[in-house]
Amino acid sequence: MEKLDGGTVWSKFTAEGVTPAQSCAFGLATPAGLHAAHGAGVLHLDVKPKNLLFTAGGVLKVADFGISQVVSEAATLVTHGGQVLGTPAYLSPEQPLGTP
């Protein structure tokens, strides 16, 4: 496993502060990482600033795939017993409604 000891997006916003250019860079790097996961059939389900980590060299990585789901084009994502997975403040609108 790769060592990600450069902090999180959350720590950079709350402790160090970020410039508008850095904020835009985070906003572009995050979907690029998620696109790679989606290409492999993986839905993260808990994207939030604390799950976006940096390498020591400052490269942003999407981390913590602990509640992710592996899906295929033929599969539909369903939760078990109406369970909603993820951090409430960062859920997509579809997740708590139980819609695909």
PDB file of N, CA and C in Angstrom:
ATOM      1  N   MET A   1       0.849  -1.176   0.000  1.00  0.00           N
ATOM      2  CA  MET A   1       0.000   0.000   0.000  1.00  0.00           C
ATOM      3  C   MET A   1       0.894   1.239   0.000  1.00  0.00           C
ATOM      4  N   GLU A   2       0.488   2.196  -0.768  1.00  0.00           N
ATOM      5  CA  GLU A   2       1.242   3.443  -0.872  1.00  0.00           C
ATOM      6  C   GLU A   2       1.117   4.271   0.408  1.00  0.00           C
ATOM      7  N   LYS A   3       2.221   4.864   0.826  1.00  0.00           N
ATOM      8  CA  LYS A   3       2.212   5.726   2.002  1.00  0.00           C
ATOM      9  C   LYS A   3       1.707   7.105   1.599  1.00  0.00           C
ATOM     10  N   LEU A   4       0.655   7.559   2.278  1.00  0.00           N
ATOM     11  CA  LEU A   4       0.051   8.865   1.999  1.00  0.00           C
ATOM     12  C   LEU A   4       0.176   9.736   3.245  1.00  0.00           C
ATOM     13  N   ASP A   5       1.309  10.368   3.377  1.00  0.00           N
ATOM     14  CA  ASP A   5       1.580  11.127   4.595  1.00  0.00           C
ATOM     15  C   ASP A   5       1.604  12.637   4.379  1.00  0.00           C
ATOM     16  N   GLY A   6       0.927  13.099   3.328  1.00  0.00           N
ATOM     17  CA  GLY A   6       0.904  14.527   3.043  1.00  0.00           C
ATOM     18  C   GLY A   6      -0.331  15.245   3.555  1.00  0.00           C
ATOM     19  N   GLY A   7      -1.124  14.581   4.405  1.00  0.00           N
ATOM     20  CA  GLY A   7      -2.325  15.208   4.946  1.00  0.00           C
ATOM     21  C   GLY A   7      -3.538  14.957   4.059  1.00  0.00           C
ATOM     22  N   THR A   8      -4.645  15.561   4.448  1.00  0.00           N
ATOM     23  CA  THR A   8      -5.905  15.402   3.726  1.00  0.00           C
ATOM     24  C   THR A   8      -6.363  16.758   3.183  1.00  0.00           C
ATOM     25  N   VAL A   9      -7.332  16.723   2.297  1.00  0.00           N
ATOM     26  CA  VAL A   9      -7.929  17.974   1.829  1.00  0.00           C
ATOM     27  C   VAL A   9      -8.529  18.706   3.028  1.00  0.00           C
ATOM     28  N   TRP A  10      -9.169  17.965   3.930  1.00  0.00           N
ATOM     29  CA  TRP A  10      -9.754  18.571   5.125  1.00  0.00           C
ATOM     30  C   TRP A  10      -8.696  19.323   5.928  1.00  0.00           C
ATOM     31  N   SER A  11      -7.537  18.685   6.167  1.00  0.00           N
ATOM     32  CA  SER A  11      -6.490  19.335   6.969  1.00  0.00           C
ATOM     33  C   SER A  11      -5.932  20.563   6.266  1.00  0.00           C
ATOM     34  N   LYS A  12      -5.843  20.497   4.962  1.00  0.00           N
ATOM     35  CA  LYS A  12      -5.322  21.663   4.234  1.00  0.00           C
ATOM     36  C   LYS A  12      -6.288  22.840   4.311  1.00  0.00           C
ATOM     37  N   PHE A  13      -7.591  22.582   4.199  1.00  0.00           N
ATOM     38  CA  PHE A  13      -8.579  23.661   4.277  1.00  0.00           C
ATOM     39  C   PHE A  13      -8.664  24.230   5.690  1.00  0.00           C
ATOM     40  N   THR A  14      -8.635  23.358   6.700  1.00  0.00           N
ATOM     41  CA  THR A  14      -8.866  23.834   8.064  1.00  0.00           C
ATOM     42  C   THR A  14      -7.620  24.357   8.756  1.00  0.00           C
ATOM     43  N   ALA A  15      -6.449  23.799   8.471  1.00  0.00           N
ATOM     44  CA  ALA A  15      -5.243  24.214   9.179  1.00  0.00           C
ATOM     45  C   ALA A  15      -4.382  25.165   8.351  1.00  0.00           C
ATOM     46  N   GLU A  16      -4.121  24.771   7.127  1.00  0.00           N
ATOM     47  CA  GLU A  16      -3.188  25.540   6.309  1.00  0.00           C
ATOM     48  C   GLU A  16      -3.869  26.599   5.465  1.00  0.00           C
ATOM     49  N   GLY A  17      -5.084  26.324   5.036  1.00  0.00           N
ATOM     50  CA  GLY A  17      -5.758  27.195   4.088  1.00  0.00           C
ATOM     51  C   GLY A  17      -5.272  26.889   2.680  1.00  0.00           C
ATOM     52  N   VAL A  18      -6.079  27.183   1.689  1.00  0.00           N
ATOM     53  CA  VAL A  18      -5.709  26.909   0.305  1.00  0.00           C
ATOM     54  C   VAL A  18      -6.042  28.111  -0.571  1.00  0.00           C
ATOM     55  N   THR A  19      -5.331  28.209  -1.648  1.00  0.00           N
ATOM     56  CA  THR A  19      -5.584  29.279  -2.607  1.00  0.00           C
ATOM     57  C   THR A  19      -6.718  28.846  -3.528  1.00  0.00           C
ATOM     58  N   PRO A  20      -7.321  29.784  -4.240  1.00  0.00           N
ATOM     59  CA  PRO A  20      -8.337  29.389  -5.215  1.00  0.00           C
ATOM     60  C   PRO A  20      -7.792  28.408  -6.264  1.00  0.00           C
ATOM     61  N   ALA A  21      -6.556  28.593  -6.685  1.00  0.00           N
ATOM     62  CA  ALA A  21      -5.965  27.682  -7.675  1.00  0.00           C
ATOM     63  C   ALA A  21      -5.818  26.272  -7.102  1.00  0.00           C
ATOM     64  N   GLN A  22      -5.398  26.169  -5.841  1.00  0.00           N
ATOM     65  CA  GLN A  22      -5.284  24.847  -5.215  1.00  0.00           C
ATOM     66  C   GLN A  22      -6.656  24.193  -5.090  1.00  0.00           C
ATOM     67  N   SER A  23      -7.631  24.972  -4.711  1.00  0.00           N
ATOM     68  CA  SER A  23      -8.991  24.445  -4.584  1.00  0.00           C
ATOM     69  C   SER A  23      -9.486  23.891  -5.915  1.00  0.00           C
ATOM     70  N   CYS A  24      -9.219  24.606  -6.999  1.00  0.00           N
ATOM     71  CA  CYS A  24      -9.600  24.122  -8.334  1.00  0.00           C
ATOM     72  C   CYS A  24      -8.845  22.849  -8.683  1.00  0.00           C
ATOM     73  N   ALA A  25      -7.569  22.776  -8.321  1.00  0.00           N
ATOM     74  CA  ALA A  25      -6.772  21.581  -8.604  1.00  0.00           C
ATOM     75  C   ALA A  25      -7.352  20.377  -7.865  1.00  0.00           C
ATOM     76  N   PHE A  26      -7.767  20.574  -6.613  1.00  0.00           N
ATOM     77  CA  PHE A  26      -8.395  19.478  -5.855  1.00  0.00           C
ATOM     78  C   PHE A  26      -9.689  19.049  -6.558  1.00  0.00           C
ATOM     79  N   GLY A  27     -10.442  20.036  -7.018  1.00  0.00           N
ATOM     80  CA  GLY A  27     -11.712  19.760  -7.682  1.00  0.00           C
ATOM     81  C   GLY A  27     -11.549  19.043  -9.015  1.00  0.00           C
ATOM     82  N   LEU A  28     -10.401  19.152  -9.637  1.00  0.00           N
ATOM     83  CA  LEU A  28     -10.134  18.432 -10.880  1.00  0.00           C
ATOM     84  C   LEU A  28      -9.518  17.060 -10.627  1.00  0.00           C
ATOM     85  N   ALA A  29      -8.678  16.960  -9.602  1.00  0.00           N
ATOM     86  CA  ALA A  29      -8.001  15.692  -9.311  1.00  0.00           C
ATOM     87  C   ALA A  29      -8.958  14.663  -8.725  1.00  0.00           C
ATOM     88  N   THR A  30      -9.900  15.104  -7.915  1.00  0.00           N
ATOM     89  CA  THR A  30     -10.825  14.168  -7.266  1.00  0.00           C
ATOM     90  C   THR A  30     -11.649  13.383  -8.281  1.00  0.00           C
ATOM     91  N   PRO A  31     -12.331  14.029  -9.222  1.00  0.00           N
ATOM     92  CA  PRO A  31     -13.096  13.235 -10.186  1.00  0.00           C
ATOM     93  C   PRO A  31     -12.211  12.376 -11.092  1.00  0.00           C
ATOM     94  N   ALA A  32     -10.966  12.775 -11.301  1.00  0.00           N
ATOM     95  CA  ALA A  32     -10.063  11.942 -12.102  1.00  0.00           C
ATOM     96  C   ALA A  32      -9.812  10.617 -11.379  1.00  0.00           C
ATOM     97  N   GLY A  33      -9.591  10.685 -10.068  1.00  0.00           N
ATOM     98  CA  GLY A  33      -9.409   9.466  -9.283  1.00  0.00           C
ATOM     99  C   GLY A  33     -10.669   8.625  -9.246  1.00  0.00           C
ATOM    100  N   LEU A  34     -11.808   9.276  -9.087  1.00  0.00           N
ATOM    101  CA  LEU A  34     -13.077   8.538  -9.066  1.00  0.00           C
ATOM    102  C   LEU A  34     -13.379   7.921 -10.425  1.00  0.00           C
ATOM    103  N   HIS A  35     -12.997   8.594 -11.490  1.00  0.00           N
ATOM    104  CA  HIS A  35     -13.196   8.054 -12.834  1.00  0.00           C
ATOM    105  C   HIS A  35     -12.414   6.746 -13.006  1.00  0.00           C
ATOM    106  N   ALA A  36     -11.205   6.717 -12.487  1.00  0.00           N
ATOM    107  CA  ALA A  36     -10.404   5.493 -12.564  1.00  0.00           C
ATOM    108  C   ALA A  36     -11.092   4.365 -11.792  1.00  0.00           C
ATOM    109  N   ALA A  37     -11.615   4.668 -10.610  1.00  0.00           N
ATOM    110  CA  ALA A  37     -12.331   3.653  -9.823  1.00  0.00           C
ATOM    111  C   ALA A  37     -13.582   3.194 -10.552  1.00  0.00           C
ATOM    112  N   HIS A  38     -14.340   4.127 -11.095  1.00  0.00           N
ATOM    113  CA  HIS A  38     -15.566   3.777 -11.815  1.00  0.00           C
ATOM    114  C   HIS A  38     -15.247   2.921 -13.036  1.00  0.00           C
ATOM    115  N   GLY A  39     -14.129   3.201 -13.691  1.00  0.00           N
ATOM    116  CA  GLY A  39     -13.705   2.399 -14.834  1.00  0.00           C
ATOM    117  C   GLY A  39     -13.440   0.957 -14.449  1.00  0.00           C
ATOM    118  N   ALA A  40     -13.083   0.751 -13.186  1.00  0.00           N
ATOM    119  CA  ALA A  40     -12.854  -0.604 -12.677  1.00  0.00           C
ATOM    120  C   ALA A  40     -14.121  -1.189 -12.055  1.00  0.00           C
ATOM    121  N   GLY A  41     -15.246  -0.467 -12.157  1.00  0.00           N
ATOM    122  CA  GLY A  41     -16.513  -0.958 -11.623  1.00  0.00           C
ATOM    123  C   GLY A  41     -16.682  -0.745 -10.136  1.00  0.00           C
ATOM    124  N   VAL A  42     -15.968   0.222  -9.560  1.00  0.00           N
ATOM    125  CA  VAL A  42     -16.030   0.469  -8.114  1.00  0.00           C
ATOM    126  C   VAL A  42     -16.674   1.824  -7.842  1.00  0.00           C
ATOM    127  N   LEU A  43     -17.687   1.830  -6.975  1.00  0.00           N
ATOM    128  CA  LEU A  43     -18.303   3.071  -6.492  1.00  0.00           C
ATOM    129  C   LEU A  43     -17.792   3.327  -5.091  1.00  0.00           C
ATOM    130  N   HIS A  44     -17.239   4.497  -4.850  1.00  0.00           N
ATOM    131  CA  HIS A  44     -16.609   4.813  -3.560  1.00  0.00           C
ATOM    132  C   HIS A  44     -17.624   4.903  -2.426  1.00  0.00           C
ATOM    133  N   LEU A  45     -18.683   5.645  -2.598  1.00  0.00           N
ATOM    134  CA  LEU A  45     -19.792   5.822  -1.648  1.00  0.00           C
ATOM    135  C   LEU A  45     -19.492   6.669  -0.414  1.00  0.00           C
ATOM    136  N   ASP A  46     -18.290   7.169  -0.241  1.00  0.00           N
ATOM    137  CA  ASP A  46     -18.012   8.010   0.926  1.00  0.00           C
ATOM    138  C   ASP A  46     -16.950   9.057   0.586  1.00  0.00           C
ATOM    139  N   VAL A  47     -17.149   9.779  -0.507  1.00  0.00           N
ATOM    140  CA  VAL A  47     -16.199  10.811  -0.913  1.00  0.00           C
ATOM    141  C   VAL A  47     -16.410  12.028  -0.029  1.00  0.00           C
ATOM    142  N   LYS A  48     -15.357  12.417   0.657  1.00  0.00           N
ATOM    143  CA  LYS A  48     -15.393  13.595   1.529  1.00  0.00           C
ATOM    144  C   LYS A  48     -13.965  14.092   1.712  1.00  0.00           C
ATOM    145  N   PRO A  49     -13.784  15.308   2.190  1.00  0.00           N
ATOM    146  CA  PRO A  49     -12.439  15.880   2.316  1.00  0.00           C
ATOM    147  C   PRO A  49     -11.467  15.044   3.146  1.00  0.00           C
ATOM    148  N   LYS A  50     -11.949  14.320   4.133  1.00  0.00           N
ATOM    149  CA  LYS A  50     -11.042  13.505   4.955  1.00  0.00           C
ATOM    150  C   LYS A  50     -10.615  12.221   4.247  1.00  0.00           C
ATOM    151  N   ASN A  51     -11.271  11.865   3.140  1.00  0.00           N
ATOM    152  CA  ASN A  51     -10.894  10.678   2.376  1.00  0.00           C
ATOM    153  C   ASN A  51     -10.106  11.023   1.111  1.00  0.00           C
ATOM    154  N   LEU A  52      -9.679  12.254   1.012  1.00  0.00           N
ATOM    155  CA  LEU A  52      -8.831  12.704  -0.092  1.00  0.00           C
ATOM    156  C   LEU A  52      -7.474  13.031   0.509  1.00  0.00           C
ATOM    157  N   LEU A  53      -6.512  12.143   0.278  1.00  0.00           N
ATOM    158  CA  LEU A  53      -5.201  12.232   0.915  1.00  0.00           C
ATOM    159  C   LEU A  53      -4.124  12.608  -0.093  1.00  0.00           C
ATOM    160  N   PHE A  54      -3.036  13.186   0.423  1.00  0.00           N
ATOM    161  CA  PHE A  54      -1.909  13.597  -0.402  1.00  0.00           C
ATOM    162  C   PHE A  54      -0.684  12.749  -0.120  1.00  0.00           C
ATOM    163  N   THR A  55       0.101  12.527  -1.171  1.00  0.00           N
ATOM    164  CA  THR A  55       1.417  11.927  -0.987  1.00  0.00           C
ATOM    165  C   THR A  55       2.327  13.015  -0.429  1.00  0.00           C
ATOM    166  N   ALA A  56       3.516  12.626  -0.009  1.00  0.00           N
ATOM    167  CA  ALA A  56       4.484  13.616   0.477  1.00  0.00           C
ATOM    168  C   ALA A  56       4.817  14.622  -0.618  1.00  0.00           C
ATOM    169  N   GLY A  57       4.711  14.202  -1.874  1.00  0.00           N
ATOM    170  CA  GLY A  57       4.989  15.089  -2.998  1.00  0.00           C
ATOM    171  C   GLY A  57       3.812  15.940  -3.424  1.00  0.00           C
ATOM    172  N   GLY A  58       2.668  15.826  -2.726  1.00  0.00           N
ATOM    173  CA  GLY A  58       1.514  16.668  -3.001  1.00  0.00           C
ATOM    174  C   GLY A  58       0.530  16.127  -4.010  1.00  0.00           C
ATOM    175  N   VAL A  59       0.655  14.859  -4.388  1.00  0.00           N
ATOM    176  CA  VAL A  59      -0.281  14.257  -5.337  1.00  0.00           C
ATOM    177  C   VAL A  59      -1.530  13.817  -4.579  1.00  0.00           C
ATOM    178  N   LEU A  60      -2.697  14.245  -5.049  1.00  0.00           N
ATOM    179  CA  LEU A  60      -3.965  13.920  -4.398  1.00  0.00           C
ATOM    180  C   LEU A  60      -4.419  12.521  -4.784  1.00  0.00           C
ATOM    181  N   LYS A  61      -4.838  11.742  -3.786  1.00  0.00           N
ATOM    182  CA  LYS A  61      -5.323  10.382  -4.007  1.00  0.00           C
ATOM    183  C   LYS A  61      -6.666  10.210  -3.301  1.00  0.00           C
ATOM    184  N   VAL A  62      -7.579   9.495  -3.951  1.00  0.00           N
ATOM    185  CA  VAL A  62      -8.843   9.133  -3.325  1.00  0.00           C
ATOM    186  C   VAL A  62      -8.565   7.894  -2.475  1.00  0.00           C
ATOM    187  N   ALA A  63      -8.938   7.937  -1.198  1.00  0.00           N
ATOM    188  CA  ALA A  63      -8.631   6.841  -0.282  1.00  0.00           C
ATOM    189  C   ALA A  63      -9.883   6.371   0.452  1.00  0.00           C
ATOM    190  N   ASP A  64      -9.735   5.360   1.260  1.00  0.00           N
ATOM    191  CA  ASP A  64     -10.764   4.775   2.109  1.00  0.00           C
ATOM    192  C   ASP A  64     -11.934   4.230   1.295  1.00  0.00           C
ATOM    193  N   PHE A  65     -11.684   3.113   0.668  1.00  0.00           N
ATOM    194  CA  PHE A  65     -12.715   2.421  -0.101  1.00  0.00           C
ATOM    195  C   PHE A  65     -13.417   1.380   0.772  1.00  0.00           C
ATOM    196  N   GLY A  66     -13.467   1.625   2.083  1.00  0.00           N
ATOM    197  CA  GLY A  66     -14.018   0.661   3.028  1.00  0.00           C
ATOM    198  C   GLY A  66     -15.473   0.289   2.810  1.00  0.00           C
ATOM    199  N   ILE A  67     -16.299   1.209   2.338  1.00  0.00           N
ATOM    200  CA  ILE A  67     -17.707   0.871   2.108  1.00  0.00           C
ATOM    201  C   ILE A  67     -18.051   0.899   0.625  1.00  0.00           C
ATOM    202  N   SER A  68     -17.024   0.876  -0.213  1.00  0.00           N
ATOM    203  CA  SER A  68     -17.276   0.921  -1.655  1.00  0.00           C
ATOM    204  C   SER A  68     -18.014  -0.328  -2.111  1.00  0.00           C
ATOM    205  N   GLN A  69     -18.614  -0.228  -3.265  1.00  0.00           N
ATOM    206  CA  GLN A  69     -19.343  -1.337  -3.862  1.00  0.00           C
ATOM    207  C   GLN A  69     -18.774  -1.606  -5.248  1.00  0.00           C
ATOM    208  N   VAL A  70     -18.653  -2.885  -5.578  1.00  0.00           N
ATOM    209  CA  VAL A  70     -18.226  -3.272  -6.915  1.00  0.00           C
ATOM    210  C   VAL A  70     -19.480  -3.599  -7.703  1.00  0.00           C
ATOM    211  N   VAL A  71     -19.637  -2.927  -8.832  1.00  0.00           N
ATOM    212  CA  VAL A  71     -20.822  -3.127  -9.660  1.00  0.00           C
ATOM    213  C   VAL A  71     -20.394  -3.379 -11.096  1.00  0.00           C
ATOM    214  N   SER A  72     -21.271  -3.965 -11.847  1.00  0.00           N
ATOM    215  CA  SER A  72     -21.044  -4.144 -13.279  1.00  0.00           C
ATOM    216  C   SER A  72     -22.146  -3.411 -14.015  1.00  0.00           C
ATOM    217  N   GLU A  73     -22.032  -3.350 -15.315  1.00  0.00           N
ATOM    218  CA  GLU A  73     -23.055  -2.656 -16.096  1.00  0.00           C
ATOM    219  C   GLU A  73     -24.419  -3.302 -15.942  1.00  0.00           C
ATOM    220  N   ALA A  74     -24.444  -4.601 -15.671  1.00  0.00           N
ATOM    221  CA  ALA A  74     -25.711  -5.318 -15.559  1.00  0.00           C
ATOM    222  C   ALA A  74     -26.271  -5.286 -14.141  1.00  0.00           C
ATOM    223  N   ALA A  75     -25.499  -4.809 -13.179  1.00  0.00           N
ATOM    224  CA  ALA A  75     -25.927  -4.842 -11.782  1.00  0.00           C
ATOM    225  C   ALA A  75     -26.547  -3.515 -11.369  1.00  0.00           C
ATOM    226  N   THR A  76     -27.402  -3.594 -10.382  1.00  0.00           N
ATOM    227  CA  THR A  76     -27.991  -2.407  -9.781  1.00  0.00           C
ATOM    228  C   THR A  76     -27.529  -2.349  -8.334  1.00  0.00           C
ATOM    229  N   LEU A  77     -27.099  -1.191  -7.884  1.00  0.00           N
ATOM    230  CA  LEU A  77     -26.634  -1.037  -6.511  1.00  0.00           C
ATOM    231  C   LEU A  77     -27.828  -0.959  -5.578  1.00  0.00           C
ATOM    232  N   VAL A  78     -27.902  -1.872  -4.641  1.00  0.00           N
ATOM    233  CA  VAL A  78     -28.956  -1.841  -3.636  1.00  0.00           C
ATOM    234  C   VAL A  78     -28.320  -1.967  -2.264  1.00  0.00           C
ATOM    235  N   THR A  79     -28.940  -1.345  -1.296  1.00  0.00           N
ATOM    236  CA  THR A  79     -28.468  -1.486   0.071  1.00  0.00           C
ATOM    237  C   THR A  79     -29.262  -2.586   0.736  1.00  0.00           C
ATOM    238  N   HIS A  80     -28.695  -3.154   1.760  1.00  0.00           N
ATOM    239  CA  HIS A  80     -29.345  -4.239   2.476  1.00  0.00           C
ATOM    240  C   HIS A  80     -30.254  -3.681   3.561  1.00  0.00           C
ATOM    241  N   GLY A  81     -31.520  -4.046   3.508  1.00  0.00           N
ATOM    242  CA  GLY A  81     -32.459  -3.617   4.538  1.00  0.00           C
ATOM    243  C   GLY A  81     -32.637  -2.114   4.622  1.00  0.00           C
ATOM    244  N   GLY A  82     -32.531  -1.417   3.486  1.00  0.00           N
ATOM    245  CA  GLY A  82     -32.713   0.031   3.493  1.00  0.00           C
ATOM    246  C   GLY A  82     -31.552   0.785   4.099  1.00  0.00           C
ATOM    247  N   GLN A  83     -30.427   0.119   4.323  1.00  0.00           N
ATOM    248  CA  GLN A  83     -29.261   0.746   4.940  1.00  0.00           C
ATOM    249  C   GLN A  83     -28.646   1.771   3.988  1.00  0.00           C
ATOM    250  N   VAL A  84     -28.356   2.949   4.504  1.00  0.00           N
ATOM    251  CA  VAL A  84     -27.688   3.988   3.732  1.00  0.00           C
ATOM    252  C   VAL A  84     -26.226   3.988   4.137  1.00  0.00           C
ATOM    253  N   LEU A  85     -25.339   3.879   3.145  1.00  0.00           N
ATOM    254  CA  LEU A  85     -23.907   3.848   3.414  1.00  0.00           C
ATOM    255  C   LEU A  85     -23.291   5.196   3.092  1.00  0.00           C
ATOM    256  N   GLY A  86     -22.401   5.668   3.946  1.00  0.00           N
ATOM    257  CA  GLY A  86     -21.694   6.917   3.693  1.00  0.00           C
ATOM    258  C   GLY A  86     -21.875   7.911   4.825  1.00  0.00           C
ATOM    259  N   THR A  87     -21.228   9.031   4.685  1.00  0.00           N
ATOM    260  CA  THR A  87     -21.307  10.111   5.659  1.00  0.00           C
ATOM    261  C   THR A  87     -22.464  11.021   5.258  1.00  0.00           C
ATOM    262  N   PRO A  88     -23.476  11.197   6.120  1.00  0.00           N
ATOM    263  CA  PRO A  88     -24.688  11.929   5.733  1.00  0.00           C
ATOM    264  C   PRO A  88     -24.454  13.276   5.059  1.00  0.00           C
ATOM    265  N   ALA A  89     -23.507  14.058   5.535  1.00  0.00           N
ATOM    266  CA  ALA A  89     -23.286  15.391   4.958  1.00  0.00           C
ATOM    267  C   ALA A  89     -22.744  15.340   3.534  1.00  0.00           C
ATOM    268  N   TYR A  90     -22.242  14.186   3.113  1.00  0.00           N
ATOM    269  CA  TYR A  90     -21.609  14.084   1.798  1.00  0.00           C
ATOM    270  C   TYR A  90     -22.318  13.102   0.862  1.00  0.00           C
ATOM    271  N   LEU A  91     -23.512  12.639   1.218  1.00  0.00           N
ATOM    272  CA  LEU A  91     -24.254  11.699   0.382  1.00  0.00           C
ATOM    273  C   LEU A  91     -24.788  12.363  -0.876  1.00  0.00           C
ATOM    274  N   SER A  92     -24.848  11.595  -1.941  1.00  0.00           N
ATOM    275  CA  SER A  92     -25.551  12.092  -3.126  1.00  0.00           C
ATOM    276  C   SER A  92     -27.030  12.074  -2.817  1.00  0.00           C
ATOM    277  N   PRO A  93     -27.847  12.879  -3.462  1.00  0.00           N
ATOM    278  CA  PRO A  93     -29.280  12.894  -3.175  1.00  0.00           C
ATOM    279  C   PRO A  93     -29.944  11.532  -3.404  1.00  0.00           C
ATOM    280  N   GLU A  94     -29.408  10.732  -4.334  1.00  0.00           N
ATOM    281  CA  GLU A  94     -30.007   9.453  -4.650  1.00  0.00           C
ATOM    282  C   GLU A  94     -29.824   8.419  -3.536  1.00  0.00           C
ATOM    283  N   GLN A  95     -28.727   8.497  -2.797  1.00  0.00           N
ATOM    284  CA  GLN A  95     -28.435   7.475  -1.795  1.00  0.00           C
ATOM    285  C   GLN A  95     -29.496   7.365  -0.692  1.00  0.00           C
ATOM    286  N   PRO A  96     -29.859   8.446   0.004  1.00  0.00           N
ATOM    287  CA  PRO A  96     -30.867   8.272   1.053  1.00  0.00           C
ATOM    288  C   PRO A  96     -32.255   7.944   0.511  1.00  0.00           C
ATOM    289  N   LEU A  97     -32.496   8.262  -0.762  1.00  0.00           N
ATOM    290  CA  LEU A  97     -33.786   7.952  -1.365  1.00  0.00           C
ATOM    291  C   LEU A  97     -33.842   6.510  -1.863  1.00  0.00           C
ATOM    292  N   GLY A  98     -32.684   5.856  -1.928  1.00  0.00           N
ATOM    293  CA  GLY A  98     -32.637   4.471  -2.380  1.00  0.00           C
ATOM    294  C   GLY A  98     -32.837   4.310  -3.870  1.00  0.00           C
ATOM    295  N   THR A  99     -32.552   5.370  -4.633  1.00  0.00           N
ATOM    296  CA  THR A  99     -32.702   5.293  -6.094  1.00  0.00           C
ATOM    297  C   THR A  99     -31.335   5.083  -6.725  1.00  0.00           C
ATOM    298  N   PRO A 100     -31.308   4.467  -7.903  1.00  0.00           N
ATOM    299  CA  PRO A 100     -30.004   4.226  -8.566  1.00  0.00           C
ATOM    300  C   PRO A 100     -29.335   5.515  -9.011  1.00  0.00           C
TER     301      PRO A 100
END
